[in-house]
Amino acid sequence: MVVLYTILIGFFIGLIARALKPGDDRMGILATTAFGIGGALLARYVGQTMNWYHDSDPLAFIAAVTGSIVLLTVFALVRPKRRP
C-alpha cells in the first residue's frame, strides 16, 4: 500500500511541477510520475540531511515540488533538442 501511495503522490507532485515550470515538457504519465517521485526523494534526502524539516512537516510537500522542478529543469537542459 505504501508503494501505491508513493506513486499517487509522486504523480500529483509531478503534475504540479510541470504546471509551475515554464516551457514545453513533452512527456507522458509515466515520466511525470517518475519525475515527481524522484523530486520528492531528492528533496527528502537534502532536507533531512540538512535538518531543515522532518517527514510530517508541511514544508516537505513544497520541497518535493521544488525538487521535481529542479529535476525537470536539469532534464530539459540535458535532453537533445528536437528538430522540426
N, C-alpha and C. Protein backbone atom coordinates (compact mmCIF):
# COMPACT_ATOMS: atom_id res chain seq x y z
N MET A 1 0.82 -1.19 0.00
CA MET A 1 0.00 0.00 0.00
C MET A 1 0.86 1.26 0.00
N VAL A 2 2.02 1.19 0.63
CA VAL A 2 2.92 2.35 0.68
C VAL A 2 3.44 2.68 -0.72
N VAL A 3 3.70 1.66 -1.53
CA VAL A 3 4.20 1.89 -2.89
C VAL A 3 3.12 2.60 -3.72
N LEU A 4 1.89 2.17 -3.60
CA LEU A 4 0.79 2.81 -4.33
C LEU A 4 0.62 4.27 -3.91
N TYR A 5 0.72 4.51 -2.62
CA TYR A 5 0.63 5.88 -2.09
C TYR A 5 1.77 6.74 -2.64
N THR A 6 2.98 6.19 -2.68
CA THR A 6 4.13 6.93 -3.20
C THR A 6 3.95 7.26 -4.67
N ILE A 7 3.45 6.33 -5.45
CA ILE A 7 3.22 6.56 -6.87
C ILE A 7 2.15 7.62 -7.08
N LEU A 8 1.09 7.56 -6.32
CA LEU A 8 0.00 8.52 -6.45
C LEU A 8 0.46 9.94 -6.06
N ILE A 9 1.13 10.08 -4.95
CA ILE A 9 1.65 11.38 -4.54
C ILE A 9 2.70 11.88 -5.52
N GLY A 10 3.56 10.99 -6.00
CA GLY A 10 4.57 11.37 -7.00
C GLY A 10 3.93 11.89 -8.27
N PHE A 11 2.83 11.27 -8.69
CA PHE A 11 2.12 11.73 -9.88
C PHE A 11 1.59 13.16 -9.69
N PHE A 12 0.96 13.42 -8.54
CA PHE A 12 0.43 14.76 -8.29
C PHE A 12 1.55 15.80 -8.15
N ILE A 13 2.63 15.42 -7.52
CA ILE A 13 3.77 16.34 -7.40
C ILE A 13 4.35 16.62 -8.79
N GLY A 14 4.46 15.59 -9.62
CA GLY A 14 4.95 15.79 -10.99
C GLY A 14 4.04 16.70 -11.81
N LEU A 15 2.72 16.54 -11.65
CA LEU A 15 1.78 17.42 -12.36
C LEU A 15 1.93 18.87 -11.91
N ILE A 16 2.05 19.08 -10.61
CA ILE A 16 2.20 20.44 -10.10
C ILE A 16 3.52 21.04 -10.58
N ALA A 17 4.58 20.25 -10.56
CA ALA A 17 5.88 20.75 -11.02
C ALA A 17 5.85 21.11 -12.50
N ARG A 18 5.20 20.27 -13.31
CA ARG A 18 5.11 20.58 -14.75
C ARG A 18 4.26 21.81 -15.00
N ALA A 19 3.26 22.05 -14.17
CA ALA A 19 2.41 23.23 -14.34
C ALA A 19 3.16 24.50 -13.93
N LEU A 20 4.02 24.41 -12.94
CA LEU A 20 4.74 25.59 -12.46
C LEU A 20 5.98 25.91 -13.27
N LYS A 21 6.60 24.90 -13.89
CA LYS A 21 7.82 25.13 -14.66
C LYS A 21 7.45 25.60 -16.07
N PRO A 22 8.01 26.75 -16.48
CA PRO A 22 7.71 27.22 -17.83
C PRO A 22 8.40 26.36 -18.89
N GLY A 23 7.83 26.35 -20.07
CA GLY A 23 8.43 25.61 -21.18
C GLY A 23 7.56 24.43 -21.59
N ASP A 24 7.95 23.82 -22.69
CA ASP A 24 7.21 22.70 -23.25
C ASP A 24 7.86 21.40 -22.81
N ASP A 25 7.19 20.68 -21.92
CA ASP A 25 7.66 19.38 -21.45
C ASP A 25 6.79 18.31 -22.08
N ARG A 26 7.30 17.72 -23.12
CA ARG A 26 6.54 16.66 -23.79
C ARG A 26 6.92 15.33 -23.17
N MET A 27 6.08 14.87 -22.26
CA MET A 27 6.30 13.57 -21.63
C MET A 27 4.97 13.00 -21.20
N GLY A 28 4.96 11.73 -20.99
CA GLY A 28 3.73 11.05 -20.64
C GLY A 28 3.50 10.94 -19.14
N ILE A 29 2.52 10.15 -18.80
CA ILE A 29 2.14 9.97 -17.40
C ILE A 29 3.25 9.28 -16.61
N LEU A 30 3.89 8.29 -17.21
CA LEU A 30 4.96 7.58 -16.50
C LEU A 30 6.15 8.49 -16.20
N ALA A 31 6.53 9.31 -17.16
CA ALA A 31 7.65 10.23 -16.92
C ALA A 31 7.28 11.30 -15.90
N THR A 32 6.06 11.78 -15.95
CA THR A 32 5.59 12.75 -14.96
C THR A 32 5.65 12.16 -13.56
N THR A 33 5.19 10.92 -13.42
CA THR A 33 5.22 10.25 -12.12
C THR A 33 6.66 10.01 -11.67
N ALA A 34 7.52 9.60 -12.60
CA ALA A 34 8.92 9.35 -12.24
C ALA A 34 9.61 10.62 -11.77
N PHE A 35 9.37 11.74 -12.44
CA PHE A 35 9.98 13.00 -12.01
C PHE A 35 9.39 13.47 -10.68
N GLY A 36 8.13 13.21 -10.45
CA GLY A 36 7.53 13.55 -9.16
C GLY A 36 8.12 12.75 -8.02
N ILE A 37 8.26 11.45 -8.23
CA ILE A 37 8.84 10.59 -7.20
C ILE A 37 10.32 10.93 -7.00
N GLY A 38 11.04 11.12 -8.10
CA GLY A 38 12.46 11.48 -8.00
C GLY A 38 12.67 12.81 -7.29
N GLY A 39 11.85 13.78 -7.60
CA GLY A 39 11.96 15.08 -6.94
C GLY A 39 11.65 15.00 -5.46
N ALA A 40 10.66 14.19 -5.12
CA ALA A 40 10.31 14.02 -3.71
C ALA A 40 11.44 13.33 -2.95
N LEU A 41 12.04 12.31 -3.56
CA LEU A 41 13.16 11.63 -2.91
C LEU A 41 14.37 12.55 -2.77
N LEU A 42 14.65 13.32 -3.81
CA LEU A 42 15.76 14.28 -3.75
C LEU A 42 15.54 15.31 -2.66
N ALA A 43 14.35 15.87 -2.59
CA ALA A 43 14.04 16.88 -1.58
C ALA A 43 14.07 16.29 -0.18
N ARG A 44 13.59 15.06 -0.05
CA ARG A 44 13.61 14.42 1.27
C ARG A 44 15.03 14.20 1.75
N TYR A 45 15.88 13.71 0.85
CA TYR A 45 17.26 13.46 1.22
C TYR A 45 17.98 14.75 1.62
N VAL A 46 17.86 15.78 0.79
CA VAL A 46 18.54 17.04 1.07
C VAL A 46 17.95 17.71 2.32
N GLY A 47 16.65 17.75 2.43
CA GLY A 47 16.00 18.41 3.56
C GLY A 47 16.29 17.76 4.90
N GLN A 48 16.29 16.44 4.92
CA GLN A 48 16.56 15.75 6.17
C GLN A 48 18.05 15.69 6.49
N THR A 49 18.89 15.69 5.47
CA THR A 49 20.33 15.73 5.71
C THR A 49 20.74 17.07 6.30
N MET A 50 20.15 18.14 5.77
CA MET A 50 20.46 19.48 6.28
C MET A 50 19.66 19.82 7.54
N ASN A 51 18.77 18.90 7.96
CA ASN A 51 17.94 19.08 9.15
C ASN A 51 17.01 20.29 9.03
N TRP A 52 16.45 20.49 7.84
CA TRP A 52 15.52 21.60 7.60
C TRP A 52 14.11 21.23 8.02
N TYR A 53 13.71 19.98 7.85
CA TYR A 53 12.36 19.53 8.19
C TYR A 53 12.36 18.03 8.41
N HIS A 54 11.22 17.52 8.89
CA HIS A 54 11.04 16.09 9.12
C HIS A 54 9.87 15.59 8.28
N ASP A 55 9.59 14.31 8.33
CA ASP A 55 8.57 13.70 7.46
C ASP A 55 7.19 14.34 7.58
N SER A 56 6.75 14.67 8.77
CA SER A 56 5.39 15.16 8.95
C SER A 56 5.26 16.67 8.77
N ASP A 57 6.32 17.34 8.40
CA ASP A 57 6.30 18.79 8.22
C ASP A 57 5.63 19.16 6.90
N PRO A 58 4.73 20.16 6.88
CA PRO A 58 4.10 20.58 5.61
C PRO A 58 5.11 21.13 4.60
N LEU A 59 6.25 21.57 5.06
CA LEU A 59 7.29 22.07 4.17
C LEU A 59 7.82 20.97 3.25
N ALA A 60 7.64 19.72 3.65
CA ALA A 60 8.11 18.60 2.85
C ALA A 60 7.41 18.54 1.49
N PHE A 61 6.13 18.88 1.44
CA PHE A 61 5.40 18.88 0.17
C PHE A 61 5.94 19.96 -0.77
N ILE A 62 6.18 21.15 -0.24
CA ILE A 62 6.72 22.24 -1.04
C ILE A 62 8.13 21.88 -1.53
N ALA A 63 8.90 21.27 -0.67
CA ALA A 63 10.25 20.85 -1.06
C ALA A 63 10.20 19.77 -2.15
N ALA A 64 9.22 18.88 -2.08
CA ALA A 64 9.09 17.83 -3.09
C ALA A 64 8.76 18.43 -4.45
N VAL A 65 7.88 19.42 -4.48
CA VAL A 65 7.55 20.10 -5.74
C VAL A 65 8.78 20.83 -6.27
N THR A 66 9.52 21.49 -5.39
CA THR A 66 10.73 22.19 -5.80
C THR A 66 11.77 21.22 -6.34
N GLY A 67 11.93 20.08 -5.69
CA GLY A 67 12.85 19.05 -6.18
C GLY A 67 12.46 18.54 -7.55
N SER A 68 11.18 18.38 -7.79
CA SER A 68 10.70 17.94 -9.11
C SER A 68 10.96 18.98 -10.18
N ILE A 69 10.78 20.25 -9.83
CA ILE A 69 11.07 21.32 -10.79
C ILE A 69 12.55 21.34 -11.13
N VAL A 70 13.40 21.12 -10.14
CA VAL A 70 14.85 21.06 -10.38
C VAL A 70 15.17 19.91 -11.33
N LEU A 71 14.59 18.74 -11.08
CA LEU A 71 14.84 17.60 -11.97
C LEU A 71 14.33 17.86 -13.38
N LEU A 72 13.16 18.47 -13.51
CA LEU A 72 12.63 18.79 -14.85
C LEU A 72 13.53 19.78 -15.57
N THR A 73 14.06 20.75 -14.86
CA THR A 73 14.94 21.74 -15.47
C THR A 73 16.25 21.10 -15.94
N VAL A 74 16.83 20.25 -15.10
CA VAL A 74 18.06 19.56 -15.49
C VAL A 74 17.79 18.65 -16.69
N PHE A 75 16.66 17.98 -16.69
CA PHE A 75 16.30 17.11 -17.82
C PHE A 75 16.14 17.92 -19.11
N ALA A 76 15.52 19.10 -19.01
CA ALA A 76 15.33 19.94 -20.20
C ALA A 76 16.67 20.44 -20.73
N LEU A 77 17.63 20.69 -19.86
CA LEU A 77 18.95 21.15 -20.30
C LEU A 77 19.77 20.03 -20.93
N VAL A 78 19.61 18.81 -20.43
CA VAL A 78 20.41 17.69 -20.91
C VAL A 78 19.80 17.04 -22.15
N ARG A 79 18.49 17.05 -22.25
CA ARG A 79 17.80 16.40 -23.37
C ARG A 79 18.14 17.09 -24.69
N PRO A 80 18.47 16.33 -25.72
CA PRO A 80 18.77 16.95 -27.01
C PRO A 80 17.52 17.62 -27.59
N LYS A 81 17.75 18.73 -28.29
CA LYS A 81 16.66 19.47 -28.90
C LYS A 81 16.09 18.69 -30.09
N ARG A 82 14.78 18.76 -30.25
CA ARG A 82 14.13 18.12 -31.39
C ARG A 82 14.16 19.05 -32.59
N ARG A 83 14.40 18.47 -33.72
CA ARG A 83 14.37 19.25 -34.96
C ARG A 83 13.01 19.06 -35.62
N PRO A 84 12.45 20.13 -36.20
CA PRO A 84 11.12 20.01 -36.83
C PRO A 84 11.12 19.18 -38.08
